[in-house]
Amino acid sequence: MTSLAYALALLKQYRRVAALIVLSGTMSGAFSAAVVALINHLLHPAGEGLIWLVVGFVGLVAGKVGANVLSQFWLVRFAQDAVINVTEDLCRKILGASLRAIERTGPPRILNTLTDDVGVVVWAAQCVPTLLMNGAMIAGCGAYLLWLSPQAFCGVLAVAGVGAVGYYWLHQRSLAAITAARTAKAQTFYQLQGLTHGIKELLMSAERRRSFLLGDLHRAVVELRRCNLDASRHHLLGESWTQSLYYLLIGVVLLAFPSILRLQPEALTGYVFAMLYLMNPVWSVIGSLPAVARGRVALTRIWELEQSLGAESSVPGPGETSDIPLESVCRVEMTEVAFSYQGEDGAQTSFSLGPINFTVNPGELIFVVGGNGSGKSTFVKVLTGLYPASSGTIRIGRSVVTAANSAWYRQHFSAVFSDYHLFQRVCGTYNSTVEASVPHYLKLLQIDHKVSVSDGRFSTVDLSQGQRRRLALVSAYLEDRPIYVFDEWAADQDPHFKGIFYNQLLPDLCARGKSVLVVTHDDRYYHLGDKVVKLDEGTIVETWNPRQSHETQLKT
């Protein structure tokens, strides 16, 4: 599918409203052209009854106003529906894409498309009725001028053709600048995201602040300014070119046509009046072209985003998840599982995971350990189904995990990742019994004075970093999934809460038959686990039973 086909597919969704907009806009323009002809006829009456001319004039004006109102009403409805539907469709495709495709695309590009490109496309679409109305008006007046004098019309058409060629050349240069401005805006958005996400690091270093403001951010905004000015300059040159030829054309009609073509007074008056009357529609059409051009660029970017997300999408989207019920107690087995990162060109990067042979049993507490870059995070993402295995087999119970049921497989996990996001609404399979015990855990984690839970929603998530992480733990608990994964959860907690996490919460989950995997460096708690798995360079290099080792040490 090309970007043009994508645009046609979007338009097809709103074909009824689009047809009404086109019809009403065209009718409004046609009525306007008819008003011009009637006014010129009134200036040179031929004996018709005045009452019929008045009735015709009122009817044409009423038709023009009515058609214009209807066109604008349907346009507003179309714009609001389009914003919602395009945004939701993009979000649905993002949620249906693989995590690797999303990571390669990058949050700045996705956010820029969702927040900016969608609005630009809809804004451009709102110019369509005006273009149709003015285009119909120009076409109608052109037909009237052709009827008045075919020779004069050919002369006008020749001058207009020269103007159109010049304006097209300038418009293409403006379009290229608009495309560059869109790229520069994405880079500016990326730098502004660095400002908000890296504010602590910026405040801590005067040198970093200076290099950020005077270097990266300054270059981004200057490039954006340059591209926008370049686009505006070419558009203004195009307008100036068109205006010059337009006034030249009026001068030719007034000075040359009477002597060369020997136009009749009615025809000469009609040409002059029509040219003056068309001045506003012509400028309106020209003024709408930059918005349409920006919409064209934004539509291409939306299409490109969908292509980048869909190229590797092997995960069913929302509403496509298998109806197979979740396993209440399940065993996960990885057999010769491997995973390799690939760049945008499809080339494999240096790091790879596996082959991994690993088993998670119900009620088991497993610690995953290893140095930085050993592959712990990648291992967790493959285990939870966020990354599809490049080779090997993953089974849950008796079911083999495939692309078709990977969304169903992921539902068995509740995870708090190191870069977690805390939602205010708790989603999951939690039940009234689990929810009834939440006050106890809020009090145990000492956040009950700030947070409560009602109807699956936290009263607030505006907390300190440590409190947010403890609330994320409660959120995972509420989901009541068969398998829990905690990636460095206790890294920024004080010893008191570390003790609660390792000595109370984890044993409680295991006692309820939950499987628990903890990525950690807290070796003094290893003895509480059933298994410790050590990773190095993407492979499992050691596995041991810490309880047996601890008991042996106590005996000796």
Protein backbone atom coordinates (compact mmCIF):
# COMPACT_ATOMS: atom_id res chain seq x y z
CA MET A 1 0.00 0.00 0.00
CA THR A 2 1.32 3.44 -0.95
CA SER A 3 0.60 6.68 0.93
CA LEU A 4 -1.95 7.56 -1.79
CA ALA A 5 -3.73 4.24 -1.32
CA TYR A 6 -3.66 4.84 2.42
CA ALA A 7 -5.30 8.25 1.92
CA LEU A 8 -8.00 6.71 -0.27
CA ALA A 9 -8.60 4.01 2.35
CA LEU A 10 -9.09 6.70 5.01
CA LEU A 11 -11.42 8.62 2.73
CA LYS A 12 -13.44 5.48 2.06
CA GLN A 13 -14.30 5.28 5.77
CA TYR A 14 -16.05 8.65 5.50
CA ARG A 15 -17.34 8.39 1.95
CA ARG A 16 -20.91 9.42 2.87
CA VAL A 17 -19.89 12.53 4.78
CA ALA A 18 -17.21 13.28 2.16
CA ALA A 19 -19.83 13.04 -0.61
CA LEU A 20 -22.10 15.45 1.27
CA ILE A 21 -19.21 17.88 1.78
CA VAL A 22 -18.24 17.70 -1.90
CA LEU A 23 -21.85 18.14 -3.02
CA SER A 24 -22.62 21.07 -0.74
CA GLY A 25 -19.30 22.81 -1.46
CA THR A 26 -19.77 22.42 -5.20
CA MET A 27 -23.34 23.70 -5.00
CA SER A 28 -22.21 26.72 -2.99
CA GLY A 29 -19.62 27.57 -5.64
CA ALA A 30 -22.11 27.04 -8.45
CA PHE A 31 -24.62 29.33 -6.78
CA SER A 32 -21.90 31.98 -6.39
CA ALA A 33 -21.04 31.80 -10.09
CA ALA A 34 -24.73 32.12 -10.95
CA VAL A 35 -24.97 35.22 -8.74
CA VAL A 36 -22.17 36.82 -10.80
CA ALA A 37 -24.02 36.14 -14.03
CA LEU A 38 -27.27 37.49 -12.59
CA ILE A 39 -25.64 40.67 -11.30
CA ASN A 40 -24.03 41.32 -14.68
CA HIS A 41 -27.42 40.73 -16.29
CA LEU A 42 -29.00 43.25 -13.91
CA LEU A 43 -26.41 45.81 -15.02
CA HIS A 44 -27.60 45.32 -18.62
CA PRO A 45 -31.35 44.55 -18.36
CA ALA A 46 -33.05 43.14 -21.42
CA GLY A 47 -36.64 43.82 -20.41
CA GLU A 48 -37.31 40.82 -18.13
CA GLY A 49 -39.67 41.32 -15.20
CA LEU A 50 -37.96 42.83 -12.20
CA ILE A 51 -39.80 40.57 -9.78
CA TRP A 52 -38.40 37.42 -11.41
CA LEU A 53 -34.88 38.84 -11.26
CA VAL A 54 -35.35 39.63 -7.55
CA VAL A 55 -36.73 36.14 -6.87
CA GLY A 56 -33.80 34.59 -8.76
CA PHE A 57 -31.27 36.71 -6.88
CA VAL A 58 -32.77 35.85 -3.47
CA GLY A 59 -33.00 32.18 -4.37
CA LEU A 60 -29.38 31.99 -5.53
CA VAL A 61 -28.07 33.80 -2.44
CA ALA A 62 -30.16 31.60 -0.14
CA GLY A 63 -28.89 28.49 -1.94
CA LYS A 64 -25.27 29.65 -1.62
CA VAL A 65 -25.58 30.45 2.11
CA GLY A 66 -27.49 27.23 2.85
CA ALA A 67 -25.05 25.03 0.96
CA ASN A 68 -22.11 26.72 2.69
CA VAL A 69 -23.65 26.19 6.16
CA LEU A 70 -24.33 22.52 5.44
CA SER A 71 -20.80 22.07 4.11
CA GLN A 72 -19.26 23.58 7.25
CA PHE A 73 -21.52 21.54 9.55
CA TRP A 74 -20.62 18.25 7.91
CA LEU A 75 -16.98 19.31 7.88
CA VAL A 76 -16.92 19.84 11.66
CA ARG A 77 -18.49 16.43 12.15
CA PHE A 78 -15.98 14.85 9.79
CA ALA A 79 -13.02 16.54 11.53
CA GLN A 80 -14.03 15.36 15.00
CA ASP A 81 -14.71 11.80 13.85
CA ALA A 82 -11.47 11.68 11.88
CA VAL A 83 -9.32 12.83 14.82
CA ILE A 84 -10.79 10.18 17.09
CA ASN A 85 -10.76 7.35 14.56
CA VAL A 86 -7.28 7.96 13.15
CA THR A 87 -5.80 8.35 16.64
CA GLU A 88 -7.51 5.21 17.94
CA ASP A 89 -6.52 3.29 14.82
CA LEU A 90 -2.89 4.31 15.27
CA CYS A 91 -2.97 3.37 18.95
CA ARG A 92 -4.51 0.02 18.03
CA LYS A 93 -1.72 -0.64 15.54
CA ILE A 94 0.92 0.38 18.10
CA LEU A 95 -0.56 -2.05 20.62
CA GLY A 96 -0.63 -4.74 17.96
CA ALA A 97 3.00 -4.28 16.93
CA SER A 98 5.98 -6.11 18.36
CA LEU A 99 7.99 -4.43 21.10
CA ARG A 100 11.10 -4.50 18.91
CA ALA A 101 9.32 -2.60 16.12
CA ILE A 102 8.17 0.03 18.64
CA GLU A 103 11.66 0.32 20.10
CA ARG A 104 13.22 0.79 16.66
CA THR A 105 10.65 3.41 15.69
CA GLY A 106 11.24 5.31 18.91
CA PRO A 107 8.84 7.13 21.28
CA PRO A 108 9.61 10.63 19.91
CA ARG A 109 8.53 9.70 16.40
CA ILE A 110 5.39 7.92 17.63
CA LEU A 111 4.38 10.79 19.92
CA ASN A 112 5.07 13.39 17.23
CA THR A 113 2.81 11.54 14.80
CA LEU A 114 0.02 11.07 17.35
CA THR A 115 0.10 14.64 18.66
CA ASP A 116 1.00 16.60 15.54
CA ASP A 117 0.55 14.74 12.26
CA VAL A 118 -3.01 13.60 12.96
CA GLY A 119 -4.08 17.17 13.70
CA VAL A 120 -2.32 18.50 10.59
CA VAL A 121 -4.09 15.95 8.37
CA VAL A 122 -7.48 16.85 9.81
CA TRP A 123 -6.73 20.57 9.48
CA ALA A 124 -5.83 20.04 5.84
CA ALA A 125 -9.06 18.08 5.34
CA GLN A 126 -11.01 21.06 6.65
CA CYS A 127 -9.69 23.10 3.73
CA VAL A 128 -11.37 20.76 1.25
CA PRO A 129 -14.88 22.31 1.34
CA THR A 130 -13.39 25.79 0.87
CA LEU A 131 -11.32 24.53 -2.05
CA LEU A 132 -14.36 22.83 -3.57
CA MET A 133 -16.57 25.86 -3.11
CA ASN A 134 -14.03 28.28 -4.54
CA GLY A 135 -13.04 25.83 -7.27
CA ALA A 136 -16.69 25.47 -8.32
CA MET A 137 -17.05 29.25 -8.24
CA ILE A 138 -13.99 29.69 -10.47
CA ALA A 139 -15.18 26.96 -12.84
CA GLY A 140 -18.69 28.42 -12.99
CA CYS A 141 -17.42 31.91 -13.69
CA GLY A 142 -15.07 30.46 -16.28
CA ALA A 143 -17.99 28.83 -18.06
CA TYR A 144 -19.87 32.13 -17.97
CA LEU A 145 -16.86 34.00 -19.40
CA LEU A 146 -16.53 31.38 -22.14
CA TRP A 147 -20.16 31.97 -23.03
CA LEU A 148 -19.60 35.75 -23.15
CA SER A 149 -16.56 35.55 -25.45
CA PRO A 150 -14.65 32.41 -26.43
CA GLN A 151 -11.74 34.48 -27.85
CA ALA A 152 -11.34 36.51 -24.65
CA PHE A 153 -11.59 33.35 -22.58
CA CYS A 154 -8.71 31.75 -24.53
CA GLY A 155 -6.58 34.83 -23.82
CA VAL A 156 -7.41 34.67 -20.12
CA LEU A 157 -6.68 30.93 -20.11
CA ALA A 158 -3.26 31.47 -21.72
CA VAL A 159 -2.21 34.02 -19.09
CA ALA A 160 -3.59 31.81 -16.32
CA GLY A 161 -1.60 28.85 -17.71
CA VAL A 162 1.66 30.82 -17.52
CA GLY A 163 0.81 31.79 -13.95
CA ALA A 164 -0.04 28.21 -12.99
CA VAL A 165 3.29 26.87 -14.31
CA GLY A 166 5.27 29.44 -12.34
CA TYR A 167 3.25 28.90 -9.20
CA TYR A 168 3.59 25.10 -9.48
CA TRP A 169 7.38 25.39 -9.62
CA LEU A 170 7.45 27.59 -6.51
CA HIS A 171 4.91 25.38 -4.75
CA GLN A 172 7.05 22.27 -5.29
CA ARG A 173 10.01 24.03 -3.69
CA SER A 174 7.75 25.03 -0.81
CA LEU A 175 6.58 21.41 -0.44
CA ALA A 176 10.19 20.22 -0.20
CA ALA A 177 10.81 22.78 2.54
CA ILE A 178 7.66 21.64 4.38
CA THR A 179 8.91 18.04 4.30
CA ALA A 180 12.25 19.17 5.72
CA ALA A 181 10.42 21.20 8.38
CA ARG A 182 8.50 18.08 9.44
CA THR A 183 11.79 16.23 9.96
CA ALA A 184 13.25 19.20 11.84
CA LYS A 185 10.17 19.36 14.05
CA ALA A 186 10.58 15.69 15.00
CA GLN A 187 14.18 16.42 16.00
CA THR A 188 13.04 19.42 18.06
CA PHE A 189 10.46 17.24 19.76
CA TYR A 190 13.20 14.75 20.60
CA GLN A 191 15.31 17.48 22.21
CA LEU A 192 12.33 18.81 24.19
CA GLN A 193 11.70 15.30 25.44
CA GLY A 194 15.30 15.26 26.63
CA LEU A 195 14.61 18.51 28.50
CA THR A 196 11.72 17.02 30.46
CA HIS A 197 13.13 13.52 30.99
CA GLY A 198 16.67 14.66 31.77
CA ILE A 199 15.90 17.67 33.93
CA LYS A 200 17.73 16.24 36.96
CA GLU A 201 20.93 15.65 34.99
CA LEU A 202 20.68 19.10 33.42
CA LEU A 203 20.24 20.80 36.77
CA MET A 204 23.24 18.94 38.15
CA SER A 205 25.69 20.16 35.50
CA ALA A 206 26.19 23.71 34.25
CA GLU A 207 28.30 22.42 31.36
CA ARG A 208 25.56 20.00 30.28
CA ARG A 209 22.93 22.74 30.49
CA ARG A 210 25.06 25.05 28.38
CA SER A 211 25.84 22.43 25.74
CA PHE A 212 22.18 21.39 25.64
CA LEU A 213 20.77 24.93 25.27
CA LEU A 214 23.46 26.32 22.97
CA GLY A 215 24.18 23.08 21.15
CA ASP A 216 21.59 20.36 20.53
CA LEU A 217 18.41 22.32 21.30
CA HIS A 218 19.63 25.48 19.57
CA ARG A 219 20.60 23.61 16.40
CA ALA A 220 17.22 21.84 16.32
CA VAL A 221 15.10 25.00 16.67
CA VAL A 222 17.30 26.97 14.25
CA GLU A 223 16.92 24.24 11.63
CA LEU A 224 13.16 24.19 12.21
CA ARG A 225 13.05 27.97 11.83
CA ARG A 226 15.10 27.83 8.62
CA CYS A 227 12.85 25.19 7.04
CA ASN A 228 9.65 27.02 8.00
CA LEU A 229 10.98 30.34 6.67
CA ASP A 230 12.09 28.64 3.46
CA ALA A 231 8.61 27.14 2.99
CA SER A 232 6.92 30.48 3.72
CA ARG A 233 9.27 32.36 1.39
CA HIS A 234 8.49 30.14 -1.57
CA HIS A 235 4.78 30.29 -0.83
CA LEU A 236 4.86 34.10 -0.63
CA LEU A 237 6.81 34.26 -3.88
CA GLY A 238 4.13 32.08 -5.44
CA GLU A 239 1.39 34.38 -4.14
CA SER A 240 3.23 37.46 -5.40
CA TRP A 241 3.73 35.86 -8.80
CA THR A 242 0.04 34.96 -9.03
CA GLN A 243 -1.13 38.39 -7.86
CA SER A 244 1.09 40.16 -10.40
CA LEU A 245 -0.28 38.09 -13.27
CA TYR A 246 -3.83 38.49 -11.97
CA TYR A 247 -3.65 42.29 -11.99
CA LEU A 248 -1.88 42.14 -15.36
CA LEU A 249 -4.78 40.10 -16.64
CA ILE A 250 -7.30 42.68 -15.41
CA GLY A 251 -5.28 45.38 -17.17
CA VAL A 252 -5.25 43.40 -20.40
CA VAL A 253 -9.03 42.90 -20.17
CA LEU A 254 -9.62 46.62 -19.64
CA LEU A 255 -7.06 48.03 -22.06
CA ALA A 256 -6.43 45.45 -24.78
CA PHE A 257 -9.58 43.38 -25.14
CA PRO A 258 -11.93 46.29 -26.15
CA SER A 259 -9.74 47.33 -29.08
CA ILE A 260 -8.34 43.95 -30.12
CA LEU A 261 -11.37 41.71 -29.64
CA ARG A 262 -14.02 44.43 -29.88
CA LEU A 263 -15.94 43.12 -26.87
CA GLN A 264 -19.52 44.25 -26.37
CA PRO A 265 -20.16 46.41 -23.28
CA GLU A 266 -22.02 43.59 -21.53
CA ALA A 267 -19.18 41.15 -22.19
CA LEU A 268 -16.52 43.66 -21.07
CA THR A 269 -18.44 44.45 -17.89
CA GLY A 270 -18.96 40.75 -17.24
CA TYR A 271 -15.24 40.03 -17.61
CA VAL A 272 -14.16 42.87 -15.33
CA PHE A 273 -16.80 42.13 -12.72
CA ALA A 274 -16.05 38.39 -12.77
CA MET A 275 -12.30 38.99 -12.46
CA LEU A 276 -12.82 41.26 -9.45
CA TYR A 277 -15.37 38.89 -7.95
CA LEU A 278 -13.00 35.94 -8.33
CA MET A 279 -10.13 37.71 -6.61
CA ASN A 280 -11.08 36.47 -3.13
CA PRO A 281 -11.76 32.84 -4.20
CA VAL A 282 -8.43 32.70 -6.06
CA TRP A 283 -6.48 33.99 -3.04
CA SER A 284 -8.41 31.61 -0.81
CA VAL A 285 -7.44 28.64 -2.98
CA ILE A 286 -3.79 29.71 -3.01
CA GLY A 287 -3.85 30.32 0.75
CA SER A 288 -5.20 26.82 1.38
CA LEU A 289 -2.45 25.09 -0.57
CA PRO A 290 0.22 25.22 2.21
CA ALA A 291 -2.18 23.58 4.67
CA VAL A 292 -3.00 20.92 2.09
CA ALA A 293 0.71 20.39 1.42
CA ARG A 294 1.45 20.00 5.14
CA GLY A 295 -1.44 17.56 5.38
CA ARG A 296 0.01 15.56 2.51
CA VAL A 297 3.39 15.37 4.27
CA ALA A 298 1.75 14.46 7.60
CA LEU A 299 -0.35 11.77 5.92
CA THR A 300 2.81 10.27 4.44
CA ARG A 301 4.41 10.24 7.89
CA ILE A 302 1.37 8.48 9.39
CA TRP A 303 1.53 5.89 6.63
CA GLU A 304 5.28 5.42 7.16
CA LEU A 305 4.74 4.96 10.89
CA GLU A 306 2.14 2.27 10.27
CA GLN A 307 4.50 0.58 7.83
CA SER A 308 7.37 0.60 10.33
CA LEU A 309 5.15 -0.85 13.04
CA GLY A 310 3.45 -3.40 10.82
CA ALA A 311 6.55 -4.69 9.07
CA GLU A 312 7.42 -6.91 12.02
CA SER A 313 4.03 -7.11 13.70
CA SER A 314 3.54 -10.71 14.71
CA VAL A 315 1.42 -10.04 17.75
CA PRO A 316 -2.39 -10.04 17.63
CA GLY A 317 -3.90 -6.69 18.52
CA PRO A 318 -6.62 -5.92 21.08
CA GLY A 319 -9.77 -7.86 20.41
CA GLU A 320 -7.83 -10.61 18.60
CA THR A 321 -6.63 -12.44 21.72
CA SER A 322 -7.48 -16.10 21.92
CA ASP A 323 -10.58 -17.02 23.92
CA ILE A 324 -8.68 -19.85 25.62
CA PRO A 325 -8.90 -19.26 29.39
CA LEU A 326 -5.70 -18.54 31.28
CA GLU A 327 -3.95 -21.36 33.06
CA SER A 328 -4.57 -20.93 36.81
CA VAL A 329 -1.41 -22.85 37.72
CA CYS A 330 1.11 -23.25 34.94
CA ARG A 331 4.57 -24.49 34.13
CA VAL A 332 6.69 -22.60 31.60
CA GLU A 333 9.46 -24.41 29.76
CA MET A 334 12.03 -22.85 27.40
CA THR A 335 13.86 -25.31 25.16
CA GLU A 336 16.86 -24.15 23.10
CA VAL A 337 15.38 -20.65 22.98
CA ALA A 338 17.48 -17.96 21.28
CA PHE A 339 16.93 -14.31 20.42
CA SER A 340 18.99 -11.86 18.36
CA TYR A 341 18.60 -8.12 18.02
CA GLN A 342 18.33 -6.80 14.49
CA GLY A 343 18.79 -3.28 13.23
CA GLU A 344 16.51 -1.41 10.83
CA ASP A 345 18.39 -2.90 7.87
CA GLY A 346 17.75 -6.41 9.20
CA ALA A 347 21.39 -7.00 10.08
CA GLN A 348 22.02 -8.90 13.31
CA THR A 349 23.73 -6.96 16.09
CA SER A 350 26.58 -8.26 18.22
CA PHE A 351 24.51 -9.29 21.26
CA SER A 352 22.30 -12.37 21.24
CA LEU A 353 20.55 -14.44 23.88
CA GLY A 354 20.73 -18.20 24.16
CA PRO A 355 20.29 -20.93 23.48
CA ILE A 356 18.40 -21.05 26.78
CA ASN A 357 16.98 -24.12 28.52
CA PHE A 358 14.93 -23.03 31.49
CA THR A 359 11.85 -24.10 33.47
CA VAL A 360 9.50 -22.18 35.76
CA ASN A 361 7.39 -24.34 38.07
CA PRO A 362 4.28 -23.27 40.02
CA GLY A 363 5.04 -21.88 43.48
CA GLU A 364 8.73 -21.47 42.65
CA LEU A 365 10.81 -18.42 43.64
CA ILE A 366 13.67 -17.84 41.17
CA PHE A 367 16.38 -15.20 41.36
CA VAL A 368 17.93 -14.09 38.05
CA VAL A 369 21.38 -12.60 38.53
CA GLY A 370 24.28 -11.39 36.42
CA GLY A 371 26.35 -8.32 35.66
CA ASN A 372 25.35 -5.35 33.55
CA GLY A 373 24.94 -6.38 29.92
CA SER A 374 24.66 -10.06 30.80
CA GLY A 375 21.22 -10.31 29.14
CA LYS A 376 18.88 -10.30 32.16
CA SER A 377 16.43 -7.76 30.72
CA THR A 378 16.42 -9.46 27.32
CA PHE A 379 15.86 -12.83 28.99
CA VAL A 380 12.87 -11.46 30.91
CA LYS A 381 11.36 -9.94 27.75
CA VAL A 382 11.68 -13.21 25.86
CA LEU A 383 10.27 -15.19 28.80
CA THR A 384 7.24 -12.90 29.13
CA GLY A 385 6.58 -12.94 25.37
CA LEU A 386 7.46 -9.29 24.73
CA TYR A 387 10.23 -10.43 22.40
CA PRO A 388 9.46 -13.36 20.07
CA ALA A 389 12.08 -16.09 20.20
CA SER A 390 14.24 -16.29 17.08
CA SER A 391 14.46 -20.05 17.51
CA GLY A 392 13.60 -22.74 20.01
CA THR A 393 10.32 -23.52 21.76
CA ILE A 394 8.44 -22.02 24.69
CA ARG A 395 5.65 -24.04 26.27
CA ILE A 396 3.12 -23.06 28.90
CA GLY A 397 1.44 -26.14 30.27
CA ARG A 398 0.79 -28.28 27.19
CA SER A 399 0.54 -25.33 24.78
CA VAL A 400 3.36 -24.23 22.48
CA VAL A 401 3.70 -20.45 22.30
CA THR A 402 3.32 -19.17 18.73
CA ALA A 403 2.67 -15.82 17.06
CA ALA A 404 -1.05 -16.66 17.05
CA ASN A 405 -1.36 -17.18 20.81
CA SER A 406 1.47 -14.95 22.09
CA ALA A 407 -0.98 -12.30 23.34
CA TRP A 408 -2.80 -15.00 25.33
CA TYR A 409 0.55 -16.25 26.67
CA ARG A 410 1.53 -12.79 27.90
CA GLN A 411 -1.65 -12.55 29.96
CA HIS A 412 -0.19 -15.12 32.37
CA PHE A 413 2.46 -12.64 33.54
CA SER A 414 2.31 -9.67 35.84
CA ALA A 415 5.53 -7.66 35.77
CA VAL A 416 7.11 -4.61 37.33
CA PHE A 417 9.96 -3.70 34.99
CA SER A 418 12.85 -1.46 35.93
CA ASP A 419 11.42 1.24 33.63
CA TYR A 420 7.82 0.59 34.68
CA HIS A 421 4.87 2.91 34.07
CA LEU A 422 2.22 3.24 36.76
CA PHE A 423 -1.37 3.51 35.51
CA GLN A 424 -4.09 4.87 37.75
CA ARG A 425 -6.56 2.23 36.62
CA VAL A 426 -5.72 -1.31 37.66
CA CYS A 427 -6.43 -3.79 34.89
CA GLY A 428 -6.39 -7.52 35.34
CA THR A 429 -8.26 -10.52 36.66
CA TYR A 430 -8.26 -9.37 40.25
CA ASN A 431 -11.26 -10.48 42.31
CA SER A 432 -13.07 -9.15 45.35
CA THR A 433 -11.07 -11.36 47.69
CA VAL A 434 -7.78 -10.01 46.40
CA GLU A 435 -9.07 -6.42 46.38
CA ALA A 436 -10.28 -6.76 49.96
CA SER A 437 -6.71 -7.46 51.09
CA VAL A 438 -5.28 -4.37 49.37
CA PRO A 439 -5.60 -2.07 52.43
CA HIS A 440 -3.35 -4.49 54.31
CA TYR A 441 -0.63 -4.25 51.66
CA LEU A 442 -0.95 -0.48 51.33
CA LYS A 443 -0.45 -0.23 55.08
CA LEU A 444 2.39 -2.74 55.04
CA LEU A 445 4.18 -0.68 52.37
CA GLN A 446 3.33 2.56 54.24
CA ILE A 447 1.40 4.28 51.46
CA ASP A 448 -2.10 3.80 52.90
CA HIS A 449 -2.14 7.41 54.09
CA LYS A 450 -1.81 8.61 50.49
CA VAL A 451 -3.50 5.98 48.32
CA SER A 452 -6.70 3.99 48.40
CA VAL A 453 -8.31 1.65 45.86
CA SER A 454 -11.90 1.81 44.72
CA ASP A 455 -13.48 0.09 41.70
CA GLY A 456 -10.07 -0.89 40.40
CA ARG A 457 -8.60 2.63 40.49
CA PHE A 458 -5.94 4.18 42.68
CA SER A 459 -6.99 7.46 44.23
CA THR A 460 -3.66 8.99 43.09
CA VAL A 461 -0.31 8.08 41.54
CA ASP A 462 1.30 11.43 42.33
CA LEU A 463 3.89 10.00 44.71
CA SER A 464 7.64 9.91 45.28
CA GLN A 465 9.71 7.51 43.19
CA GLY A 466 10.00 4.95 46.00
CA GLN A 467 6.29 5.18 46.81
CA ARG A 468 5.38 4.79 43.15
CA ARG A 469 7.46 1.63 42.92
CA ARG A 470 5.73 0.22 46.00
CA LEU A 471 2.35 1.10 44.50
CA ALA A 472 3.38 -0.65 41.27
CA LEU A 473 3.96 -3.74 43.38
CA VAL A 474 0.41 -3.47 44.74
CA SER A 475 -0.90 -2.99 41.19
CA ALA A 476 0.83 -6.19 40.08
CA TYR A 477 -0.57 -8.00 43.12
CA LEU A 478 -4.11 -6.90 42.17
CA GLU A 479 -3.79 -8.49 38.73
CA ASP A 480 -3.56 -11.92 40.37
CA ARG A 481 -1.69 -13.56 37.47
CA PRO A 482 -0.06 -17.02 37.66
CA ILE A 483 3.50 -15.73 37.12
CA TYR A 484 5.16 -12.62 38.57
CA VAL A 485 8.31 -10.91 37.33
CA PHE A 486 10.09 -8.16 39.28
CA ASP A 487 13.01 -6.50 37.53
CA GLU A 488 15.25 -4.81 40.12
CA TRP A 489 12.19 -3.81 42.15
CA ALA A 490 14.10 -3.36 45.41
CA ALA A 491 17.02 -1.45 43.86
CA ASP A 492 15.93 1.97 45.18
CA GLN A 493 14.12 0.81 48.36
CA ASP A 494 15.47 1.21 51.86
CA PRO A 495 16.37 -1.91 53.92
CA HIS A 496 13.00 -1.94 55.70
CA PHE A 497 10.98 -2.31 52.49
CA LYS A 498 13.53 -4.69 51.00
CA GLY A 499 12.92 -6.93 54.00
CA ILE A 500 9.16 -6.77 53.52
CA PHE A 501 9.53 -7.54 49.81
CA TYR A 502 11.84 -10.55 50.21
CA ASN A 503 10.67 -11.96 53.55
CA GLN A 504 6.89 -11.42 53.33
CA LEU A 505 5.51 -10.54 49.91
CA LEU A 506 7.45 -12.99 47.75
CA PRO A 507 6.85 -16.01 50.06
CA ASP A 508 3.17 -15.04 50.22
CA LEU A 509 2.87 -15.16 46.41
CA CYS A 510 4.64 -18.51 46.24
CA ALA A 511 2.41 -19.90 49.00
CA ARG A 512 -0.58 -19.06 46.79
CA GLY A 513 0.92 -21.16 43.96
CA LYS A 514 2.34 -18.22 42.00
CA SER A 515 5.64 -18.51 40.16
CA VAL A 516 7.94 -15.58 40.95
CA LEU A 517 11.08 -14.43 39.09
CA VAL A 518 13.16 -11.64 40.60
CA VAL A 519 16.00 -9.91 38.78
CA THR A 520 18.22 -8.73 41.61
CA HIS A 521 21.71 -8.09 42.99
CA ASP A 522 20.69 -8.57 46.66
CA ASP A 523 22.73 -11.71 47.28
CA ARG A 524 21.95 -11.77 51.01
CA TYR A 525 18.38 -12.87 50.16
CA TYR A 526 19.33 -15.64 47.73
CA HIS A 527 18.77 -18.28 50.39
CA LEU A 528 15.02 -17.59 50.26
CA GLY A 529 14.75 -18.77 46.66
CA ASP A 530 14.25 -22.18 45.13
CA LYS A 531 16.67 -21.44 42.31
CA VAL A 532 19.32 -18.89 41.36
CA VAL A 533 20.08 -18.50 37.67
CA LYS A 534 23.18 -16.62 36.61
CA LEU A 535 23.46 -15.10 33.14
CA ASP A 536 26.59 -13.99 31.35
CA GLU A 537 26.87 -12.80 27.74
CA GLY A 538 23.31 -13.95 27.00
CA THR A 539 23.63 -17.52 28.28
CA ILE A 540 22.89 -19.30 31.55
CA VAL A 541 26.32 -20.10 32.99
CA GLU A 542 25.26 -21.37 36.41
CA THR A 543 22.16 -22.59 38.26
CA TRP A 544 22.03 -23.62 41.89
CA ASN A 545 19.67 -24.29 44.78
CA PRO A 546 20.40 -21.52 47.31
CA ARG A 547 18.44 -23.15 50.12
CA GLN A 548 20.56 -26.26 50.02
CA SER A 549 23.72 -24.16 49.88
CA HIS A 550 22.51 -22.06 52.80
CA GLU A 551 21.62 -25.12 54.89
CA THR A 552 25.03 -26.64 54.14
CA GLN A 553 26.75 -23.46 55.29
CA LEU A 554 24.72 -23.42 58.51
CA LYS A 555 25.67 -27.04 59.27
CA THR A 556 29.35 -26.35 58.74
